[in-house]
Amino acid sequence: MMTTETKEILTAASAVLANNSVPELRGLRVDEESNELQLHGRVRSFYHKQLAQEAILPLAGNLQVVNHLHVHG
């Protein structure tokens, strides 16, 4: 069962991406599984992949950030 703190982290991470100044990051999905904050979706560059990860990293708390984003050109 997900804790209240984990739910808050998940909500905050999703909001940071949804309101990001980079439009490509707004449609990405953030999930929590096994104490991991997981990024899912597709981006056009490794730069955007890194931007998404860095955007949620400060919010992760005690969760490990795992970047499952796929880069397509």
N, C-alpha and C. Protein backbone atom coordinates (compact mmCIF):
# COMPACT_ATOMS: atom_id res chain seq x y z
N MET A 1 0.83 -1.19 0.00
CA MET A 1 0.00 0.00 0.00
C MET A 1 0.88 1.25 0.00
N MET A 2 0.50 2.23 -0.79
CA MET A 2 1.27 3.46 -0.92
C MET A 2 1.02 4.37 0.27
N THR A 3 2.08 4.91 0.84
CA THR A 3 1.96 5.82 1.97
C THR A 3 1.48 7.19 1.50
N THR A 4 1.02 7.99 2.43
CA THR A 4 0.59 9.35 2.12
C THR A 4 1.75 10.16 1.57
N GLU A 5 2.93 9.99 2.16
CA GLU A 5 4.12 10.71 1.68
C GLU A 5 4.44 10.33 0.24
N THR A 6 4.36 9.05 -0.08
CA THR A 6 4.64 8.60 -1.45
C THR A 6 3.62 9.15 -2.42
N LYS A 7 2.35 9.18 -2.03
CA LYS A 7 1.30 9.76 -2.88
C LYS A 7 1.58 11.23 -3.15
N GLU A 8 2.02 11.95 -2.12
CA GLU A 8 2.33 13.37 -2.28
C GLU A 8 3.51 13.57 -3.21
N ILE A 9 4.52 12.72 -3.09
CA ILE A 9 5.69 12.80 -3.97
C ILE A 9 5.27 12.54 -5.41
N LEU A 10 4.46 11.52 -5.62
CA LEU A 10 3.99 11.16 -6.95
C LEU A 10 3.17 12.29 -7.57
N THR A 11 2.29 12.89 -6.78
CA THR A 11 1.48 14.01 -7.25
C THR A 11 2.34 15.21 -7.60
N ALA A 12 3.31 15.52 -6.75
CA ALA A 12 4.20 16.66 -6.99
C ALA A 12 5.06 16.45 -8.22
N ALA A 13 5.60 15.23 -8.39
CA ALA A 13 6.45 14.93 -9.54
C ALA A 13 5.64 15.03 -10.83
N SER A 14 4.44 14.52 -10.82
CA SER A 14 3.57 14.59 -12.01
C SER A 14 3.24 16.04 -12.34
N ALA A 15 3.00 16.85 -11.32
CA ALA A 15 2.67 18.26 -11.52
C ALA A 15 3.86 19.04 -12.08
N VAL A 16 5.05 18.73 -11.59
CA VAL A 16 6.26 19.42 -12.09
C VAL A 16 6.42 19.16 -13.59
N LEU A 17 6.20 17.94 -14.01
CA LEU A 17 6.32 17.63 -15.43
C LEU A 17 5.16 18.23 -16.22
N ALA A 18 3.95 18.15 -15.71
CA ALA A 18 2.77 18.67 -16.41
C ALA A 18 2.85 20.18 -16.63
N ASN A 19 3.54 20.87 -15.74
CA ASN A 19 3.65 22.33 -15.83
C ASN A 19 5.02 22.78 -16.32
N ASN A 20 5.80 21.88 -16.85
CA ASN A 20 7.16 22.18 -17.29
C ASN A 20 7.15 23.13 -18.49
N SER A 21 8.17 23.96 -18.60
CA SER A 21 8.27 24.90 -19.72
C SER A 21 8.62 24.19 -21.02
N VAL A 22 9.07 22.94 -20.94
CA VAL A 22 9.38 22.15 -22.13
C VAL A 22 8.14 21.31 -22.46
N PRO A 23 7.42 21.64 -23.52
CA PRO A 23 6.17 20.94 -23.83
C PRO A 23 6.31 19.42 -23.91
N GLU A 24 7.41 18.93 -24.39
CA GLU A 24 7.61 17.49 -24.56
C GLU A 24 7.57 16.72 -23.23
N LEU A 25 7.89 17.39 -22.15
CA LEU A 25 7.92 16.72 -20.85
C LEU A 25 6.53 16.64 -20.21
N ARG A 26 5.59 17.40 -20.71
CA ARG A 26 4.27 17.49 -20.08
C ARG A 26 3.45 16.21 -20.18
N GLY A 27 3.72 15.36 -21.15
CA GLY A 27 2.94 14.15 -21.33
C GLY A 27 3.56 12.91 -20.72
N LEU A 28 4.64 13.07 -19.98
CA LEU A 28 5.32 11.91 -19.40
C LEU A 28 4.57 11.40 -18.18
N ARG A 29 4.75 10.13 -17.89
CA ARG A 29 4.06 9.50 -16.77
C ARG A 29 5.06 9.19 -15.65
N VAL A 30 4.63 9.40 -14.42
CA VAL A 30 5.44 9.07 -13.24
C VAL A 30 4.66 8.05 -12.43
N ASP A 31 5.31 6.93 -12.11
CA ASP A 31 4.70 5.87 -11.30
C ASP A 31 5.60 5.57 -10.12
N GLU A 32 5.01 4.94 -9.11
CA GLU A 32 5.79 4.46 -7.96
C GLU A 32 5.65 2.95 -7.90
N GLU A 33 6.78 2.28 -7.76
CA GLU A 33 6.78 0.83 -7.61
C GLU A 33 8.04 0.41 -6.86
N SER A 34 7.87 -0.38 -5.84
CA SER A 34 8.99 -0.94 -5.07
C SER A 34 9.98 0.13 -4.62
N ASN A 35 9.46 1.21 -4.03
CA ASN A 35 10.29 2.31 -3.55
C ASN A 35 11.07 3.01 -4.66
N GLU A 36 10.53 2.97 -5.87
CA GLU A 36 11.14 3.67 -6.99
C GLU A 36 10.13 4.65 -7.57
N LEU A 37 10.62 5.81 -7.95
CA LEU A 37 9.84 6.80 -8.69
C LEU A 37 10.25 6.61 -10.14
N GLN A 38 9.35 6.07 -10.96
CA GLN A 38 9.70 5.67 -12.32
C GLN A 38 9.12 6.64 -13.35
N LEU A 39 9.98 7.03 -14.29
CA LEU A 39 9.58 7.89 -15.41
C LEU A 39 9.29 7.01 -16.62
N HIS A 40 8.14 7.26 -17.28
CA HIS A 40 7.76 6.49 -18.47
C HIS A 40 7.31 7.44 -19.57
N GLY A 41 7.61 7.07 -20.80
CA GLY A 41 7.18 7.85 -21.95
C GLY A 41 8.26 7.91 -23.00
N ARG A 42 8.05 8.82 -23.96
CA ARG A 42 9.00 8.97 -25.06
C ARG A 42 9.39 10.44 -25.20
N VAL A 43 10.66 10.66 -25.46
CA VAL A 43 11.18 12.01 -25.70
C VAL A 43 12.04 11.97 -26.96
N ARG A 44 12.33 13.13 -27.52
CA ARG A 44 13.08 13.20 -28.77
C ARG A 44 14.59 13.28 -28.60
N SER A 45 15.07 13.49 -27.37
CA SER A 45 16.53 13.62 -27.21
C SER A 45 16.96 13.16 -25.81
N PHE A 46 18.22 12.80 -25.71
CA PHE A 46 18.78 12.44 -24.41
C PHE A 46 18.78 13.65 -23.47
N TYR A 47 18.85 14.83 -24.04
CA TYR A 47 18.78 16.06 -23.24
C TYR A 47 17.43 16.15 -22.52
N HIS A 48 16.34 15.90 -23.25
CA HIS A 48 15.01 15.93 -22.64
C HIS A 48 14.85 14.82 -21.62
N LYS A 49 15.45 13.67 -21.88
CA LYS A 49 15.42 12.57 -20.92
C LYS A 49 16.06 13.00 -19.61
N GLN A 50 17.20 13.66 -19.71
CA GLN A 50 17.90 14.15 -18.52
C GLN A 50 17.13 15.27 -17.83
N LEU A 51 16.54 16.17 -18.62
CA LEU A 51 15.75 17.27 -18.04
C LEU A 51 14.59 16.73 -17.20
N ALA A 52 13.91 15.72 -17.71
CA ALA A 52 12.78 15.14 -16.98
C ALA A 52 13.26 14.53 -15.66
N GLN A 53 14.35 13.81 -15.73
CA GLN A 53 14.89 13.18 -14.52
C GLN A 53 15.29 14.23 -13.49
N GLU A 54 15.97 15.26 -13.92
CA GLU A 54 16.43 16.31 -13.01
C GLU A 54 15.26 17.11 -12.44
N ALA A 55 14.15 17.19 -13.19
CA ALA A 55 12.99 17.94 -12.72
C ALA A 55 12.33 17.26 -11.52
N ILE A 56 12.32 15.91 -11.51
CA ILE A 56 11.65 15.21 -10.41
C ILE A 56 12.61 14.78 -9.30
N LEU A 57 13.89 14.78 -9.57
CA LEU A 57 14.87 14.32 -8.58
C LEU A 57 14.76 15.03 -7.23
N PRO A 58 14.62 16.35 -7.18
CA PRO A 58 14.53 17.03 -5.88
C PRO A 58 13.29 16.63 -5.07
N LEU A 59 12.29 16.07 -5.73
CA LEU A 59 11.03 15.71 -5.07
C LEU A 59 11.00 14.26 -4.60
N ALA A 60 11.96 13.47 -5.00
CA ALA A 60 11.92 12.02 -4.82
C ALA A 60 11.96 11.56 -3.36
N GLY A 61 12.47 12.38 -2.48
CA GLY A 61 12.56 11.99 -1.07
C GLY A 61 13.38 10.73 -0.91
N ASN A 62 12.81 9.71 -0.28
CA ASN A 62 13.54 8.46 -0.05
C ASN A 62 13.35 7.46 -1.18
N LEU A 63 12.70 7.87 -2.27
CA LEU A 63 12.49 7.00 -3.42
C LEU A 63 13.64 7.14 -4.42
N GLN A 64 14.03 6.04 -5.01
CA GLN A 64 15.05 6.06 -6.05
C GLN A 64 14.39 6.43 -7.37
N VAL A 65 14.98 7.34 -8.14
CA VAL A 65 14.45 7.71 -9.45
C VAL A 65 15.01 6.75 -10.49
N VAL A 66 14.09 6.14 -11.25
CA VAL A 66 14.47 5.22 -12.32
C VAL A 66 13.89 5.78 -13.61
N ASN A 67 14.76 6.04 -14.57
CA ASN A 67 14.38 6.69 -15.81
C ASN A 67 14.17 5.63 -16.90
N HIS A 68 12.90 5.37 -17.21
CA HIS A 68 12.55 4.40 -18.25
C HIS A 68 12.13 5.11 -19.55
N LEU A 69 12.49 6.38 -19.70
CA LEU A 69 12.11 7.12 -20.91
C LEU A 69 12.83 6.57 -22.12
N HIS A 70 12.11 6.50 -23.24
CA HIS A 70 12.69 6.05 -24.50
C HIS A 70 12.97 7.27 -25.36
N VAL A 71 14.13 7.31 -25.98
CA VAL A 71 14.50 8.39 -26.86
C VAL A 71 14.25 7.96 -28.30
N HIS A 72 13.50 8.76 -29.03
CA HIS A 72 13.27 8.49 -30.45
C HIS A 72 13.52 9.76 -31.22
N GLY A 73 14.03 9.63 -32.40
CA GLY A 73 14.41 10.80 -33.17
C GLY A 73 13.55 11.11 -34.25
